PDB file of N, CA and C in Angstrom:
ATOM      1  N   MET A   1      66.181 100.580 112.650  1.00  0.00           N
ATOM      2  CA  MET A   1      67.338 100.169 113.420  1.00  0.00           C
ATOM      3  C   MET A   1      68.526  99.407 112.448  1.00  0.00           C
ATOM      4  N   ALA A   2      69.471 100.199 113.014  1.00  0.00           N
ATOM      5  CA  ALA A   2      70.900  99.614 112.222  1.00  0.00           C
ATOM      6  C   ALA A   2      70.902  97.911 112.692  1.00  0.00           C
ATOM      7  N   GLU A   3      71.765  97.142 111.768  1.00  0.00           N
ATOM      8  CA  GLU A   3      72.454  96.156 112.082  1.00  0.00           C
ATOM      9  C   GLU A   3      73.274  95.570 112.819  1.00  0.00           C
ATOM     10  N   ALA A   4      73.528  94.999 113.332  1.00  0.00           N
ATOM     11  CA  ALA A   4      74.451  94.817 114.012  1.00  0.00           C
ATOM     12  C   ALA A   4      75.740  93.942 113.626  1.00  0.00           C
ATOM     13  N   PRO A   5      77.187  94.777 113.730  1.00  0.00           N
ATOM     14  CA  PRO A   5      78.424  93.899 112.921  1.00  0.00           C
ATOM     15  C   PRO A   5      78.114  92.408 113.145  1.00  0.00           C
ATOM     16  N   ALA A   6      78.753  91.681 112.171  1.00  0.00           N
ATOM     17  CA  ALA A   6      79.135  90.318 111.933  1.00  0.00           C
ATOM     18  C   ALA A   6      79.496  89.475 113.650  1.00  0.00           C
ATOM     19  N   ALA A   7      80.004  89.932 114.144  1.00  0.00           N
ATOM     20  CA  ALA A   7      80.924  89.789 115.581  1.00  0.00           C
ATOM     21  C   ALA A   7      79.631  89.169 116.019  1.00  0.00           C
ATOM     22  N   HIS A   8      78.447  90.231 116.441  1.00  0.00           N
ATOM     23  CA  HIS A   8      77.468  90.307 117.302  1.00  0.00           C
ATOM     24  C   HIS A   8      76.519  89.233 116.711  1.00  0.00           C
ATOM     25  N   ARG A   9      76.416  89.045 115.237  1.00  0.00           N
ATOM     26  CA  ARG A   9      75.170  88.587 114.655  1.00  0.00           C
ATOM     27  C   ARG A   9      75.258  86.988 114.899  1.00  0.00           C
ATOM     28  N   GLY A  10      76.821  86.366 115.488  1.00  0.00           N
ATOM     29  CA  GLY A  10      77.035  85.179 115.284  1.00  0.00           C
ATOM     30  C   GLY A  10      78.165  84.778 114.237  1.00  0.00           C
ATOM     31  N   GLY A  11      78.080  85.636 113.402  1.00  0.00           N
ATOM     32  CA  GLY A  11      79.814  86.080 112.517  1.00  0.00           C
ATOM     33  C   GLY A  11      80.468  85.764 113.368  1.00  0.00           C
ATOM     34  N   ASN A  12      82.047  85.554 112.261  1.00  0.00           N
ATOM     35  CA  ASN A  12      83.081  85.173 113.084  1.00  0.00           C
ATOM     36  C   ASN A  12      83.964  86.662 113.270  1.00  0.00           C
ATOM     37  N   VAL A  13      85.021  87.026 113.946  1.00  0.00           N
ATOM     38  CA  VAL A  13      85.387  88.243 113.982  1.00  0.00           C
ATOM     39  C   VAL A  13      86.343  88.235 112.648  1.00  0.00           C
ATOM     40  N   ARG A  14      86.909  87.596 112.490  1.00  0.00           N
ATOM     41  CA  ARG A  14      87.353  87.910 111.116  1.00  0.00           C
ATOM     42  C   ARG A  14      86.588  88.518 110.048  1.00  0.00           C
ATOM     43  N   GLN A  15      85.778  88.285 109.806  1.00  0.00           N
ATOM     44  CA  GLN A  15      84.621  88.512 109.191  1.00  0.00           C
ATOM     45  C   GLN A  15      84.293  90.382 109.192  1.00  0.00           C
ATOM     46  N   ALA A  16      84.199  90.401 110.668  1.00  0.00           N
ATOM     47  CA  ALA A  16      83.642  91.927 111.312  1.00  0.00           C
ATOM     48  C   ALA A  16      85.004  93.004 110.921  1.00  0.00           C
ATOM     49  N   HIS A  17      86.185  92.337 110.961  1.00  0.00           N
ATOM     50  CA  HIS A  17      87.113  93.155 110.900  1.00  0.00           C
ATOM     51  C   HIS A  17      87.061  93.571 109.251  1.00  0.00           C
ATOM     52  N   GLU A  18      87.026  92.488 108.581  1.00  0.00           N
ATOM     53  CA  GLU A  18      87.327  92.745 107.324  1.00  0.00           C
ATOM     54  C   GLU A  18      86.223  93.657 106.592  1.00  0.00           C
ATOM     55  N   LEU A  19      84.842  93.626 106.700  1.00  0.00           N
ATOM     56  CA  LEU A  19      83.952  94.692 106.512  1.00  0.00           C
ATOM     57  C   LEU A  19      84.236  95.982 107.420  1.00  0.00           C
ATOM     58  N   ARG A  20      84.618  95.909 108.306  1.00  0.00           N
ATOM     59  CA  ARG A  20      84.951  97.810 108.843  1.00  0.00           C
ATOM     60  C   ARG A  20      86.360  97.966 108.219  1.00  0.00           C
ATOM     61  N   ARG A  21      87.443  96.986 107.674  1.00  0.00           N
ATOM     62  CA  ARG A  21      88.629  97.625 107.054  1.00  0.00           C
ATOM     63  C   ARG A  21      87.737  98.098 105.426  1.00  0.00           C
ATOM     64  N   ARG A  22      86.936  97.164 104.744  1.00  0.00           N
ATOM     65  CA  ARG A  22      86.692  97.903 103.513  1.00  0.00           C
ATOM     66  C   ARG A  22      85.762  98.942 103.687  1.00  0.00           C
ATOM     67  N   ASP A  23      85.496  99.490 104.479  1.00  0.00           N
ATOM     68  CA  ASP A  23      84.641 100.022 104.362  1.00  0.00           C
ATOM     69  C   ASP A  23      84.775 101.755 105.705  1.00  0.00           C
ATOM     70  N   ALA A  24      86.441 101.612 105.934  1.00  0.00           N
ATOM     71  CA  ALA A  24      87.001 102.422 106.581  1.00  0.00           C
ATOM     72  C   ALA A  24      87.206 103.511 105.414  1.00  0.00           C
ATOM     73  N   VAL A  25      87.584 104.942 106.249  1.00  0.00           N
ATOM     74  CA  VAL A  25      88.001 105.713 104.638  1.00  0.00           C
ATOM     75  C   VAL A  25      89.620 106.272 105.240  1.00  0.00           C
ATOM     76  N   GLU A  26      89.986 106.333 104.568  1.00  0.00           N
ATOM     77  CA  GLU A  26      91.908 106.984 105.250  1.00  0.00           C
ATOM     78  C   GLU A  26      91.196 108.372 105.262  1.00  0.00           C
ATOM     79  N   ARG A  27      92.225 108.840 105.991  1.00  0.00           N
ATOM     80  CA  ARG A  27      92.153 110.490 106.874  1.00  0.00           C
ATOM     81  C   ARG A  27      93.530 110.981 106.924  1.00  0.00           C
ATOM     82  N   THR A  28      93.926 111.993 106.478  1.00  0.00           N
ATOM     83  CA  THR A  28      95.383 112.551 107.248  1.00  0.00           C
ATOM     84  C   THR A  28      94.984 113.472 108.352  1.00  0.00           C
ATOM     85  N   CYS A  29      95.791 113.753 109.273  1.00  0.00           N
ATOM     86  CA  CYS A  29      95.541 114.549 110.134  1.00  0.00           C
ATOM     87  C   CYS A  29      96.844 115.315 110.881  1.00  0.00           C
ATOM     88  N   SER A  30      96.516 116.469 111.009  1.00  0.00           N
ATOM     89  CA  SER A  30      98.667 117.104 111.596  1.00  0.00           C
ATOM     90  C   SER A  30      97.740 117.001 113.370  1.00  0.00           C
ATOM     91  N   VAL A  31      98.728 116.546 113.771  1.00  0.00           N
ATOM     92  CA  VAL A  31      99.065 116.446 115.299  1.00  0.00           C
ATOM     93  C   VAL A  31     100.264 117.373 115.714  1.00  0.00           C
ATOM     94  N   ARG A  32     100.480 117.405 116.627  1.00  0.00           N
ATOM     95  CA  ARG A  32     101.302 118.031 117.486  1.00  0.00           C
ATOM     96  C   ARG A  32     102.175 117.205 118.357  1.00  0.00           C
ATOM     97  N   VAL A  33     103.544 117.179 118.273  1.00  0.00           N
ATOM     98  CA  VAL A  33     104.526 115.797 118.549  1.00  0.00           C
ATOM     99  C   VAL A  33     105.824 116.369 119.556  1.00  0.00           C
ATOM    100  N   THR A  34     106.117 115.604 121.008  1.00  0.00           N
ATOM    101  CA  THR A  34     107.138 116.033 121.265  1.00  0.00           C
ATOM    102  C   THR A  34     107.920 115.159 122.030  1.00  0.00           C
ATOM    103  N   THR A  35     108.827 115.608 122.221  1.00  0.00           N
ATOM    104  CA  THR A  35     109.561 114.235 122.607  1.00  0.00           C
ATOM    105  C   THR A  35     109.563 114.208 124.275  1.00  0.00           C
ATOM    106  N   LEU A  36     109.870 113.136 125.137  1.00  0.00           N
ATOM    107  CA  LEU A  36     109.730 112.560 126.025  1.00  0.00           C
ATOM    108  C   LEU A  36     111.230 113.632 126.876  1.00  0.00           C
ATOM    109  N   THR A  37     111.968 113.947 126.604  1.00  0.00           N
ATOM    110  CA  THR A  37     112.669 114.544 127.148  1.00  0.00           C
ATOM    111  C   THR A  37     112.211 116.337 127.305  1.00  0.00           C
ATOM    112  N   ARG A  38     111.409 117.123 126.320  1.00  0.00           N
ATOM    113  CA  ARG A  38     111.100 117.955 126.405  1.00  0.00           C
ATOM    114  C   ARG A  38     109.983 118.540 127.185  1.00  0.00           C
ATOM    115  N   VAL A  39     109.113 117.358 127.783  1.00  0.00           N
ATOM    116  CA  VAL A  39     108.100 117.037 128.213  1.00  0.00           C
ATOM    117  C   VAL A  39     108.658 117.208 130.131  1.00  0.00           C
ATOM    118  N   ALA A  40     110.142 116.125 130.233  1.00  0.00           N
ATOM    119  CA  ALA A  40     110.090 116.473 131.430  1.00  0.00           C
ATOM    120  C   ALA A  40     111.121 117.704 131.805  1.00  0.00           C
ATOM    121  N   GLU A  41     111.420 118.262 130.786  1.00  0.00           N
ATOM    122  CA  GLU A  41     111.960 119.597 130.604  1.00  0.00           C
ATOM    123  C   GLU A  41     111.128 120.745 131.279  1.00  0.00           C
ATOM    124  N   ARG A  42     109.942 120.823 130.591  1.00  0.00           N
ATOM    125  CA  ARG A  42     108.682 121.342 130.688  1.00  0.00           C
ATOM    126  C   ARG A  42     108.313 121.303 132.196  1.00  0.00           C
ATOM    127  N   GLN A  43     108.496 119.943 132.513  1.00  0.00           N
ATOM    128  CA  GLN A  43     107.560 119.181 134.035  1.00  0.00           C
ATOM    129  C   GLN A  43     108.417 118.936 134.920  1.00  0.00           C
ATOM    130  N   GLN A  44     109.704 120.402 134.842  1.00  0.00           N
ATOM    131  CA  GLN A  44     111.223 120.237 135.708  1.00  0.00           C
ATOM    132  C   GLN A  44     110.592 118.539 136.403  1.00  0.00           C
ATOM    133  N   VAL A  45     110.928 117.261 135.561  1.00  0.00           N
ATOM    134  CA  VAL A  45     111.325 115.966 136.308  1.00  0.00           C
ATOM    135  C   VAL A  45     112.683 116.031 136.435  1.00  0.00           C
ATOM    136  N   GLU A  46     113.077 115.608 137.738  1.00  0.00           N
ATOM    137  CA  GLU A  46     114.178 115.161 138.721  1.00  0.00           C
ATOM    138  C   GLU A  46     114.479 113.651 138.184  1.00  0.00           C
ATOM    139  N   SER A  47     113.491 112.967 138.378  1.00  0.00           N
ATOM    140  CA  SER A  47     113.779 111.328 138.153  1.00  0.00           C
ATOM    141  C   SER A  47     112.345 110.845 137.631  1.00  0.00           C
ATOM    142  N   ILE A  48     112.393 109.652 136.670  1.00  0.00           N
ATOM    143  CA  ILE A  48     111.478 108.622 136.442  1.00  0.00           C
ATOM    144  C   ILE A  48     111.341 107.537 137.057  1.00  0.00           C
ATOM    145  N   ASP A  49     110.962 107.077 138.267  1.00  0.00           N
ATOM    146  CA  ASP A  49     110.680 105.581 138.197  1.00  0.00           C
ATOM    147  C   ASP A  49     110.303 104.707 137.364  1.00  0.00           C
ATOM    148  N   LEU A  50     109.459 105.020 137.228  1.00  0.00           N
ATOM    149  CA  LEU A  50     108.932 103.818 136.042  1.00  0.00           C
ATOM    150  C   LEU A  50     108.368 104.758 134.884  1.00  0.00           C
ATOM    151  N   LEU A  51     108.415 104.037 133.567  1.00  0.00           N
ATOM    152  CA  LEU A  51     108.359 105.092 132.755  1.00  0.00           C
ATOM    153  C   LEU A  51     107.467 103.819 131.958  1.00  0.00           C
ATOM    154  N   ARG A  52     106.051 103.914 131.090  1.00  0.00           N
ATOM    155  CA  ARG A  52     105.279 103.019 130.567  1.00  0.00           C
ATOM    156  C   ARG A  52     104.912 103.456 129.148  1.00  0.00           C
ATOM    157  N   ILE A  53     105.515 102.967 128.208  1.00  0.00           N
ATOM    158  CA  ILE A  53     105.276 103.602 126.800  1.00  0.00           C
ATOM    159  C   ILE A  53     104.371 102.522 126.082  1.00  0.00           C
ATOM    160  N   GLY A  54     103.422 102.915 125.696  1.00  0.00           N
ATOM    161  CA  GLY A  54     102.621 102.322 124.630  1.00  0.00           C
ATOM    162  C   GLY A  54     102.544 103.034 123.649  1.00  0.00           C
ATOM    163  N   ALA A  55     103.116 102.843 122.381  1.00  0.00           N
ATOM    164  CA  ALA A  55     103.048 104.566 121.426  1.00  0.00           C
ATOM    165  C   ALA A  55     102.486 103.471 119.989  1.00  0.00           C
ATOM    166  N   ARG A  56     102.068 102.143 120.088  1.00  0.00           N
ATOM    167  CA  ARG A  56     101.141 101.624 118.910  1.00  0.00           C
ATOM    168  C   ARG A  56     102.748 101.704 117.684  1.00  0.00           C
ATOM    169  N   HIS A  57     103.523 101.081 117.501  1.00  0.00           N
ATOM    170  CA  HIS A  57     104.216 100.235 116.676  1.00  0.00           C
ATOM    171  C   HIS A  57     105.054 101.224 116.426  1.00  0.00           C
ATOM    172  N   ALA A  58     105.212 102.621 117.490  1.00  0.00           N
ATOM    173  CA  ALA A  58     106.271 103.696 117.090  1.00  0.00           C
ATOM    174  C   ALA A  58     107.215 103.422 118.760  1.00  0.00           C
ATOM    175  N   ASP A  59     106.973 102.013 119.506  1.00  0.00           N
ATOM    176  CA  ASP A  59     107.906 102.402 120.851  1.00  0.00           C
ATOM    177  C   ASP A  59     109.596 103.147 120.435  1.00  0.00           C
ATOM    178  N   PRO A  60     110.023 102.486 119.776  1.00  0.00           N
ATOM    179  CA  PRO A  60     111.655 102.836 119.339  1.00  0.00           C
ATOM    180  C   PRO A  60     111.637 103.795 119.057  1.00  0.00           C
ATOM    181  N   GLU A  61     111.138 104.535 118.532  1.00  0.00           N
ATOM    182  CA  GLU A  61     110.996 105.975 118.024  1.00  0.00           C
ATOM    183  C   GLU A  61     110.390 106.874 119.367  1.00  0.00           C
ATOM    184  N   VAL A  62     109.743 106.947 120.424  1.00  0.00           N
ATOM    185  CA  VAL A  62     109.900 107.656 121.254  1.00  0.00           C
ATOM    186  C   VAL A  62     111.105 107.215 122.019  1.00  0.00           C
ATOM    187  N   LEU A  63     111.661 105.963 122.842  1.00  0.00           N
ATOM    188  CA  LEU A  63     112.651 105.722 123.427  1.00  0.00           C
ATOM    189  C   LEU A  63     113.947 106.477 122.385  1.00  0.00           C
ATOM    190  N   ARG A  64     113.890 106.902 121.047  1.00  0.00           N
ATOM    191  CA  ARG A  64     114.743 107.825 120.549  1.00  0.00           C
ATOM    192  C   ARG A  64     114.868 109.350 120.935  1.00  0.00           C
ATOM    193  N   GLY A  65     113.793 109.606 121.305  1.00  0.00           N
ATOM    194  CA  GLY A  65     113.602 111.216 121.739  1.00  0.00           C
ATOM    195  C   GLY A  65     113.872 111.257 123.108  1.00  0.00           C
ATOM    196  N   VAL A  66     114.411 109.876 123.752  1.00  0.00           N
ATOM    197  CA  VAL A  66     115.044 111.002 125.103  1.00  0.00           C
ATOM    198  C   VAL A  66     116.503 110.786 124.958  1.00  0.00           C
ATOM    199  N   ASP A  67     116.828 111.809 125.372  1.00  0.00           N
ATOM    200  CA  ASP A  67     118.684 112.943 125.233  1.00  0.00           C
ATOM    201  C   ASP A  67     119.261 111.924 126.519  1.00  0.00           C
ATOM    202  N   ASP A  68     120.465 112.025 126.031  1.00  0.00           N
ATOM    203  CA  ASP A  68     121.617 111.587 127.028  1.00  0.00           C
ATOM    204  C   ASP A  68     121.298 112.196 128.028  1.00  0.00           C
ATOM    205  N   ASP A  69     121.262 113.007 128.500  1.00  0.00           N
ATOM    206  CA  ASP A  69     121.124 113.293 130.225  1.00  0.00           C
ATOM    207  C   ASP A  69     119.980 112.950 130.521  1.00  0.00           C
ATOM    208  N   LEU A  70     118.789 112.594 129.971  1.00  0.00           N
ATOM    209  CA  LEU A  70     117.796 112.563 130.773  1.00  0.00           C
ATOM    210  C   LEU A  70     117.430 110.570 131.145  1.00  0.00           C
ATOM    211  N   TRP A  71     118.560 109.707 130.238  1.00  0.00           N
ATOM    212  CA  TRP A  71     118.504 108.260 130.197  1.00  0.00           C
ATOM    213  C   TRP A  71     118.921 108.009 131.688  1.00  0.00           C
ATOM    214  N   PRO A  72     119.940 108.313 132.498  1.00  0.00           N
ATOM    215  CA  PRO A  72     120.521 107.980 133.680  1.00  0.00           C
ATOM    216  C   PRO A  72     119.418 108.192 134.871  1.00  0.00           C
ATOM    217  N   ARG A  73     118.009 109.414 134.557  1.00  0.00           N
ATOM    218  CA  ARG A  73     117.067 109.636 135.474  1.00  0.00           C
ATOM    219  C   ARG A  73     115.781 108.255 135.068  1.00  0.00           C
ATOM    220  N   ILE A  74     115.997 107.463 133.929  1.00  0.00           N
ATOM    221  CA  ILE A  74     115.158 106.613 134.220  1.00  0.00           C
ATOM    222  C   ILE A  74     115.075 105.482 134.627  1.00  0.00           C
ATOM    223  N   ARG A  75     114.607 105.085 135.437  1.00  0.00           N
ATOM    224  CA  ARG A  75     114.849 103.639 136.303  1.00  0.00           C
ATOM    225  C   ARG A  75     114.820 102.475 135.691  1.00  0.00           C
ATOM    226  N   ARG A  76     113.199 102.329 135.544  1.00  0.00           N
ATOM    227  CA  ARG A  76     112.405 101.160 134.924  1.00  0.00           C
ATOM    228  C   ARG A  76     111.993 101.845 134.067  1.00  0.00           C
ATOM    229  N   ILE A  77     111.783 100.806 132.898  1.00  0.00           N
ATOM    230  CA  ILE A  77     111.225 101.031 131.792  1.00  0.00           C
ATOM    231  C   ILE A  77     110.184 100.121 131.323  1.00  0.00           C
ATOM    232  N   VAL A  78     108.346 100.364 131.091  1.00  0.00           N
ATOM    233  CA  VAL A  78     108.082  98.969 130.446  1.00  0.00           C
ATOM    234  C   VAL A  78     107.309  99.302 129.361  1.00  0.00           C
ATOM    235  N   VAL A  79     107.352  98.986 128.028  1.00  0.00           N
ATOM    236  CA  VAL A  79     107.179  98.350 126.869  1.00  0.00           C
ATOM    237  C   VAL A  79     106.493  97.125 125.921  1.00  0.00           C
ATOM    238  N   GLU A  80     105.554  97.525 125.610  1.00  0.00           N
ATOM    239  CA  GLU A  80     105.118  96.170 124.860  1.00  0.00           C
ATOM    240  C   GLU A  80     104.821  96.437 123.232  1.00  0.00           C
ATOM    241  N   PRO A  81     106.322  96.286 122.586  1.00  0.00           N
ATOM    242  CA  PRO A  81     106.419  96.470 121.243  1.00  0.00           C
ATOM    243  C   PRO A  81     104.826  95.700 120.887  1.00  0.00           C
ATOM    244  N   HIS A  82     104.640  96.515 119.557  1.00  0.00           N
ATOM    245  CA  HIS A  82     103.496  95.497 118.535  1.00  0.00           C
ATOM    246  C   HIS A  82     103.720  94.643 117.777  1.00  0.00           C
ATOM    247  N   ASP A  83     104.854  94.450 117.180  1.00  0.00           N
ATOM    248  CA  ASP A  83     105.596  93.418 116.226  1.00  0.00           C
ATOM    249  C   ASP A  83     107.077  92.483 116.656  1.00  0.00           C
ATOM    250  N   GLU A  84     107.826  91.840 115.660  1.00  0.00           N
ATOM    251  CA  GLU A  84     109.070  91.484 116.244  1.00  0.00           C
ATOM    252  C   GLU A  84     109.778  92.147 115.955  1.00  0.00           C
ATOM    253  N   ASP A  85     109.903  93.070 115.233  1.00  0.00           N
ATOM    254  CA  ASP A  85     110.936  93.976 114.510  1.00  0.00           C
ATOM    255  C   ASP A  85     110.883  94.949 115.908  1.00  0.00           C
ATOM    256  N   GLY A  86     110.035  95.590 116.014  1.00  0.00           N
ATOM    257  CA  GLY A  86     109.762  96.910 117.050  1.00  0.00           C
ATOM    258  C   GLY A  86     110.766  96.123 118.561  1.00  0.00           C
ATOM    259  N   LEU A  87     110.160  94.324 118.929  1.00  0.00           N
ATOM    260  CA  LEU A  87     110.696  94.317 120.036  1.00  0.00           C
ATOM    261  C   LEU A  87     112.255  94.141 119.738  1.00  0.00           C
ATOM    262  N   ALA A  88     112.697  93.614 118.857  1.00  0.00           N
ATOM    263  CA  ALA A  88     114.435  93.229 118.531  1.00  0.00           C
ATOM    264  C   ALA A  88     114.985  94.513 118.938  1.00  0.00           C
ATOM    265  N   ARG A  89     113.765  95.522 118.379  1.00  0.00           N
ATOM    266  CA  ARG A  89     115.109  97.243 118.232  1.00  0.00           C
ATOM    267  C   ARG A  89     114.433  97.521 119.016  1.00  0.00           C
ATOM    268  N   THR A  90     113.613  97.732 119.982  1.00  0.00           N
ATOM    269  CA  THR A  90     113.829  97.892 121.070  1.00  0.00           C
ATOM    270  C   THR A  90     114.544  97.397 122.308  1.00  0.00           C
ATOM    271  N   LYS A  91     115.034  96.149 122.357  1.00  0.00           N
ATOM    272  CA  LYS A  91     115.660  95.650 123.201  1.00  0.00           C
ATOM    273  C   LYS A  91     117.091  96.269 123.241  1.00  0.00           C
ATOM    274  N   MET A  92     117.344  96.150 122.060  1.00  0.00           N
ATOM    275  CA  MET A  92     118.854  96.806 121.284  1.00  0.00           C
ATOM    276  C   MET A  92     119.093  97.876 122.161  1.00  0.00           C
ATOM    277  N   LEU A  93     118.081  98.962 121.599  1.00  0.00           N
ATOM    278  CA  LEU A  93     118.122 100.178 122.091  1.00  0.00           C
ATOM    279  C   LEU A  93     118.693 100.321 123.430  1.00  0.00           C
ATOM    280  N   LEU A  94     117.691  99.189 124.484  1.00  0.00           N
ATOM    281  CA  LEU A  94     117.224  99.057 126.005  1.00  0.00           C
ATOM    282  C   LEU A  94     119.056  99.111 126.254  1.00  0.00           C
ATOM    283  N   ARG A  95     119.117  98.190 125.515  1.00  0.00           N
ATOM    284  CA  ARG A  95     120.405  97.450 126.012  1.00  0.00           C
ATOM    285  C   ARG A  95     121.814  98.122 126.158  1.00  0.00           C
ATOM    286  N   ALA A  96     121.865  99.148 124.335  1.00  0.00           N
ATOM    287  CA  ALA A  96     122.623 100.151 124.428  1.00  0.00           C
ATOM    288  C   ALA A  96     122.719 101.337 125.546  1.00  0.00           C
ATOM    289  N   ARG A  97     121.622 101.488 126.210  1.00  0.00           N
ATOM    290  CA  ARG A  97     121.569 102.410 127.270  1.00  0.00           C
ATOM    291  C   ARG A  97     122.012 102.189 129.033  1.00  0.00           C
ATOM    292  N   GLU A  98     122.334 100.666 128.283  1.00  0.00           N
ATOM    293  CA  GLU A  98     122.852 100.495 129.885  1.00  0.00           C
ATOM    294  C   GLU A  98     121.550 100.221 130.937  1.00  0.00           C
ATOM    295  N   TYR A  99     120.203  99.132 130.236  1.00  0.00           N
ATOM    296  CA  TYR A  99     119.291  98.487 130.960  1.00  0.00           C
ATOM    297  C   TYR A  99     119.294  96.966 130.617  1.00  0.00           C
ATOM    298  N   GLU A 100     119.056  96.299 131.822  1.00  0.00           N
ATOM    299  CA  GLU A 100     119.251  95.124 131.918  1.00  0.00           C
ATOM    300  C   GLU A 100     117.786  94.533 131.348  1.00  0.00           C
ATOM    301  N   VAL A 101     117.407  93.961 130.521  1.00  0.00           N
ATOM    302  CA  VAL A 101     115.977  93.368 129.775  1.00  0.00           C
ATOM    303  C   VAL A 101     115.820  92.536 129.914  1.00  0.00           C
ATOM    304  N   ALA A 102     114.488  92.182 130.447  1.00  0.00           N
ATOM    305  CA  ALA A 102     113.618  90.963 130.744  1.00  0.00           C
ATOM    306  C   ALA A 102     112.046  90.725 129.779  1.00  0.00           C
ATOM    307  N   GLN A 103     112.142  89.571 129.798  1.00  0.00           N
ATOM    308  CA  GLN A 103     110.447  89.808 128.795  1.00  0.00           C
ATOM    309  C   GLN A 103     109.817  89.425 130.167  1.00  0.00           C
ATOM    310  N   GLY A 104     108.669  90.122 130.273  1.00  0.00           N
ATOM    311  CA  GLY A 104     107.797  89.863 130.740  1.00  0.00           C
ATOM    312  C   GLY A 104     106.282  88.517 130.923  1.00  0.00           C
ATOM    313  N   SER A 105     105.431  88.839 131.356  1.00  0.00           N
ATOM    314  CA  SER A 105     104.532  87.866 131.112  1.00  0.00           C
ATOM    315  C   SER A 105     103.936  88.046 130.025  1.00  0.00           C
ATOM    316  N   GLY A 106     103.296  88.928 129.209  1.00  0.00           N
ATOM    317  CA  GLY A 106     103.142  89.182 127.783  1.00  0.00           C
ATOM    318  C   GLY A 106     103.965  88.554 126.837  1.00  0.00           C
ATOM    319  N   ARG A 107     103.863  88.395 126.009  1.00  0.00           N
ATOM    320  CA  ARG A 107     104.067  87.489 124.988  1.00  0.00           C
ATOM    321  C   ARG A 107     105.656  88.588 124.047  1.00  0.00           C
ATOM    322  N   ARG A 108     105.292  90.149 124.167  1.00  0.00           N
ATOM    323  CA  ARG A 108     105.915  91.033 123.769  1.00  0.00           C
ATOM    324  C   ARG A 108     106.455  92.015 124.974  1.00  0.00           C
ATOM    325  N   MET A 109     106.274  91.889 126.311  1.00  0.00           N
ATOM    326  CA  MET A 109     106.207  92.527 127.482  1.00  0.00           C
ATOM    327  C   MET A 109     107.802  92.626 127.330  1.00  0.00           C
ATOM    328  N   LEU A 110     108.562  93.843 127.514  1.00  0.00           N
ATOM    329  CA  LEU A 110     109.870  94.167 128.095  1.00  0.00           C
ATOM    330  C   LEU A 110     110.110  94.656 129.074  1.00  0.00           C
ATOM    331  N   LEU A 111     110.989  94.259 130.538  1.00  0.00           N
ATOM    332  CA  LEU A 111     111.180  95.060 131.605  1.00  0.00           C
ATOM    333  C   LEU A 111     112.235  95.374 131.280  1.00  0.00           C
ATOM    334  N   ALA A 112     112.299  96.735 131.828  1.00  0.00           N
ATOM    335  CA  ALA A 112     114.046  97.159 131.571  1.00  0.00           C
ATOM    336  C   ALA A 112     114.015  98.054 132.781  1.00  0.00           C
ATOM    337  N   ARG A 113     115.917  97.568 133.321  1.00  0.00           N
ATOM    338  CA  ARG A 113     115.804  98.158 134.536  1.00  0.00           C
ATOM    339  C   ARG A 113     117.566  98.462 134.602  1.00  0.00           C
ATOM    340  N   ARG A 114     117.393 100.057 134.729  1.00  0.00           N
ATOM    341  CA  ARG A 114     118.638 100.346 134.674  1.00  0.00           C
ATOM    342  C   ARG A 114     119.974  99.564 135.760  1.00  0.00           C
ATOM    343  N   CYS A 115     120.682  99.404 134.875  1.00  0.00           N
ATOM    344  CA  CYS A 115     122.044  98.506 135.759  1.00  0.00           C
ATOM    345  C   CYS A 115     122.660  99.428 136.764  1.00  0.00           C
ATOM    346  N   ALA A 116     122.789  98.631 137.910  1.00  0.00           N
ATOM    347  CA  ALA A 116     123.588  99.952 138.879  1.00  0.00           C
ATOM    348  C   ALA A 116     125.382  99.972 138.274  1.00  0.00           C
TER     349      ALA A 116
END
């Protein structure tokens, strides 16, 4: 029978993560990516009432994939950058696109609303 991870044997979570990291094998794989604008075009989206972005350290890059003609059609955006740098970059990007940005209930949760 396989031994349970340290976190399940009463060890601490940090030890379990360290063990997992040491045993991790680095792999590279190719994936196809697209932009939000291309998805909106293919699906013939006229407007977006709420856009929720969860791109794990790449939220600003997702937003940079929105073309000028799509921005006015996005009313609200919810995004949770995973670090302080991403938080600052995302806030700047949204404000530059005329969104009112507020901090949400989470530590880094951002709520953005298109200024009227």
